[in-house]
Every structure is written in C-alpha cells, then in structure tokens.
Amino acid sequence: MTKNENYQKWLLEKLKDHDEAVSYLKSSLEESLKGDEESQQLFLIALRNVAEAQGGVGALAKKAHVGRESLYKTLSGTSNPKWHTLVSLCVAMGLNLRLS
C-alpha cells in the first residue's frame, strides 16, 4: 500500500466522525476562498471525501436526489456545480450552512 493509499484510508476513517467531518469541511471551505484556481476545488474534493467516508457517493446521491454519475462529476474537483446542488448535498449529509 502506498503512502497516498494509507493517508486516504486514514482520512476516510477519521471523516466517519461527524465533528471531524465538519471541521474538515470548514477548513477546506476557508482554504477554497483564497481565490486561486487550485484552492477553489478543495471544498468539492473535501465533500467527496466526506461522502466516501459516510457511506459512499452512491448513497449520498440517493439522499440528495441527484444522479450518481452526475454527483461523481460534481465532486470531481474539476466541475463548477450549481449552488442548489451544493446545498442539497450538505443537507443530505446532515450539515448546516451558516456564516459566523
């Protein structure tokens, strides 16, 4: 197993915990607001990691009433999803969106 595979396995295990997942998503959202193209994709990648950790993208697609293939594309880190899609995903994951 490579270091990347070990890290991904470790990360997904940690993200099964709701509080860890929320903290991870908050950090990735904050980082994604820096404005450069690479950092803008971080939140989508983080959402995908949390989805994988908490039952998989297919299960999230059912909860969010989104097509599985469409959701994989949305969370690829290269797409530009609609706000409605992101909100639906967060709600399906049991997350609240708020500013503080």
C-alpha atoms as a PDB file:
ATOM      1  CA  MET A   1       0.000   0.000   0.000  1.00  0.00           C
ATOM      2  CA  THR A   2       1.415   3.419  -0.950  1.00  0.00           C
ATOM      3  CA  LYS A   3       1.648   6.407   1.350  1.00  0.00           C
ATOM      4  CA  ASN A   4      -1.237   8.057  -0.532  1.00  0.00           C
ATOM      5  CA  GLU A   5      -3.432   4.988  -0.099  1.00  0.00           C
ATOM      6  CA  ASN A   6      -2.541   4.818   3.604  1.00  0.00           C
ATOM      7  CA  TYR A   7      -3.348   8.501   4.026  1.00  0.00           C
ATOM      8  CA  GLN A   8      -6.656   8.201   2.152  1.00  0.00           C
ATOM      9  CA  LYS A   9      -7.668   5.198   4.260  1.00  0.00           C
ATOM     10  CA  TRP A  10      -6.723   7.052   7.469  1.00  0.00           C
ATOM     11  CA  LEU A  11      -8.568  10.206   6.326  1.00  0.00           C
ATOM     12  CA  LEU A  12     -11.757   8.346   5.425  1.00  0.00           C
ATOM     13  CA  GLU A  13     -11.714   6.593   8.800  1.00  0.00           C
ATOM     14  CA  LYS A  14     -11.455   9.949  10.623  1.00  0.00           C
ATOM     15  CA  LEU A  15     -14.187  11.503   8.480  1.00  0.00           C
ATOM     16  CA  LYS A  16     -16.715   8.926   9.644  1.00  0.00           C
ATOM     17  CA  ASP A  17     -16.972  11.066  12.782  1.00  0.00           C
ATOM     18  CA  HIS A  18     -19.449  13.918  12.203  1.00  0.00           C
ATOM     19  CA  ASP A  19     -17.470  16.513  14.177  1.00  0.00           C
ATOM     20  CA  GLU A  20     -14.250  15.623  12.339  1.00  0.00           C
ATOM     21  CA  ALA A  21     -16.073  15.880   9.012  1.00  0.00           C
ATOM     22  CA  VAL A  22     -17.492  19.305   9.892  1.00  0.00           C
ATOM     23  CA  SER A  23     -14.083  20.611  10.936  1.00  0.00           C
ATOM     24  CA  TYR A  24     -12.505  19.227   7.763  1.00  0.00           C
ATOM     25  CA  LEU A  25     -15.175  20.835   5.575  1.00  0.00           C
ATOM     26  CA  LYS A  26     -14.866  24.180   7.358  1.00  0.00           C
ATOM     27  CA  SER A  27     -11.114  24.205   6.828  1.00  0.00           C
ATOM     28  CA  SER A  28     -11.409  23.238   3.182  1.00  0.00           C
ATOM     29  CA  LEU A  29     -14.063  25.898   2.546  1.00  0.00           C
ATOM     30  CA  GLU A  30     -11.903  28.548   4.180  1.00  0.00           C
ATOM     31  CA  GLU A  31      -8.926  27.460   2.061  1.00  0.00           C
ATOM     32  CA  SER A  32     -11.028  27.383  -1.107  1.00  0.00           C
ATOM     33  CA  LEU A  33     -11.904  31.062  -0.673  1.00  0.00           C
ATOM     34  CA  LYS A  34      -8.299  32.143  -1.278  1.00  0.00           C
ATOM     35  CA  GLY A  35      -9.185  32.659  -4.913  1.00  0.00           C
ATOM     36  CA  ASP A  36      -6.610  30.721  -6.912  1.00  0.00           C
ATOM     37  CA  GLU A  37      -7.923  28.012  -9.212  1.00  0.00           C
ATOM     38  CA  GLU A  38      -6.386  25.082  -7.341  1.00  0.00           C
ATOM     39  CA  SER A  39      -7.708  26.083  -3.934  1.00  0.00           C
ATOM     40  CA  GLN A  40     -11.195  26.714  -5.328  1.00  0.00           C
ATOM     41  CA  GLN A  41     -11.633  22.986  -5.936  1.00  0.00           C
ATOM     42  CA  LEU A  42     -10.682  21.945  -2.396  1.00  0.00           C
ATOM     43  CA  PHE A  43     -14.193  22.155  -0.977  1.00  0.00           C
ATOM     44  CA  LEU A  44     -15.578  19.841  -3.683  1.00  0.00           C
ATOM     45  CA  ILE A  45     -12.813  17.317  -3.057  1.00  0.00           C
ATOM     46  CA  ALA A  46     -13.461  17.545   0.692  1.00  0.00           C
ATOM     47  CA  LEU A  47     -17.188  16.936   0.131  1.00  0.00           C
ATOM     48  CA  ARG A  48     -16.321  13.856  -1.921  1.00  0.00           C
ATOM     49  CA  ASN A  49     -14.033  12.546   0.836  1.00  0.00           C
ATOM     50  CA  VAL A  50     -16.733  13.027   3.468  1.00  0.00           C
ATOM     51  CA  ALA A  51     -19.302  11.365   1.203  1.00  0.00           C
ATOM     52  CA  GLU A  52     -16.978   8.388   0.697  1.00  0.00           C
ATOM     53  CA  ALA A  53     -16.354   8.117   4.439  1.00  0.00           C
ATOM     54  CA  GLN A  54     -20.027   8.268   5.354  1.00  0.00           C
ATOM     55  CA  GLY A  55     -21.496   5.633   3.093  1.00  0.00           C
ATOM     56  CA  GLY A  56     -20.239   6.438  -0.393  1.00  0.00           C
ATOM     57  CA  VAL A  57     -21.151   8.764  -3.209  1.00  0.00           C
ATOM     58  CA  GLY A  58     -23.912   6.453  -4.446  1.00  0.00           C
ATOM     59  CA  ALA A  59     -25.700   6.575  -1.093  1.00  0.00           C
ATOM     60  CA  LEU A  60     -25.342  10.363  -0.970  1.00  0.00           C
ATOM     61  CA  ALA A  61     -26.749  10.649  -4.496  1.00  0.00           C
ATOM     62  CA  LYS A  62     -29.902   8.818  -3.372  1.00  0.00           C
ATOM     63  CA  LYS A  63     -30.302  11.001  -0.271  1.00  0.00           C
ATOM     64  CA  ALA A  64     -29.768  14.213  -2.252  1.00  0.00           C
ATOM     65  CA  HIS A  65     -31.989  13.058  -5.149  1.00  0.00           C
ATOM     66  CA  VAL A  66     -29.131  13.571  -7.603  1.00  0.00           C
ATOM     67  CA  GLY A  67     -27.951  11.150 -10.268  1.00  0.00           C
ATOM     68  CA  ARG A  68     -24.953   9.095  -9.148  1.00  0.00           C
ATOM     69  CA  GLU A  69     -22.871   9.837 -12.250  1.00  0.00           C
ATOM     70  CA  SER A  70     -23.780  13.500 -12.050  1.00  0.00           C
ATOM     71  CA  LEU A  71     -22.682  13.578  -8.420  1.00  0.00           C
ATOM     72  CA  TYR A  72     -19.349  11.925  -9.216  1.00  0.00           C
ATOM     73  CA  LYS A  73     -18.803  14.628 -11.836  1.00  0.00           C
ATOM     74  CA  THR A  74     -19.850  17.365  -9.407  1.00  0.00           C
ATOM     75  CA  LEU A  75     -17.402  16.129  -6.766  1.00  0.00           C
ATOM     76  CA  SER A  76     -14.547  15.508  -9.189  1.00  0.00           C
ATOM     77  CA  GLY A  77     -12.833  18.745  -8.246  1.00  0.00           C
ATOM     78  CA  THR A  78     -12.950  19.964 -11.842  1.00  0.00           C
ATOM     79  CA  SER A  79     -16.597  20.949 -12.164  1.00  0.00           C
ATOM     80  CA  ASN A  80     -18.469  24.137 -11.400  1.00  0.00           C
ATOM     81  CA  PRO A  81     -21.604  22.919  -9.580  1.00  0.00           C
ATOM     82  CA  LYS A  82     -24.738  24.941  -9.039  1.00  0.00           C
ATOM     83  CA  TRP A  83     -25.373  26.381  -5.598  1.00  0.00           C
ATOM     84  CA  HIS A  84     -28.579  24.340  -5.312  1.00  0.00           C
ATOM     85  CA  THR A  85     -26.603  21.131  -5.821  1.00  0.00           C
ATOM     86  CA  LEU A  86     -24.108  22.011  -3.086  1.00  0.00           C
ATOM     87  CA  VAL A  87     -26.891  22.894  -0.663  1.00  0.00           C
ATOM     88  CA  SER A  88     -28.729  19.645  -1.448  1.00  0.00           C
ATOM     89  CA  LEU A  89     -25.561  17.657  -0.792  1.00  0.00           C
ATOM     90  CA  CYS A  90     -24.890  19.379   2.514  1.00  0.00           C
ATOM     91  CA  VAL A  91     -28.471  18.847   3.694  1.00  0.00           C
ATOM     92  CA  ALA A  92     -28.329  15.177   2.663  1.00  0.00           C
ATOM     93  CA  MET A  93     -25.122  14.807   4.702  1.00  0.00           C
ATOM     94  CA  GLY A  94     -26.804  16.303   7.759  1.00  0.00           C
ATOM     95  CA  LEU A  95     -24.813  19.540   7.592  1.00  0.00           C
ATOM     96  CA  ASN A  96     -25.962  23.104   8.170  1.00  0.00           C
ATOM     97  CA  LEU A  97     -24.635  26.027   6.197  1.00  0.00           C
ATOM     98  CA  ARG A  98     -24.121  29.210   8.178  1.00  0.00           C
ATOM     99  CA  LEU A  99     -21.929  32.246   8.379  1.00  0.00           C
ATOM    100  CA  SER A 100     -20.401  33.388  11.614  1.00  0.00           C
END
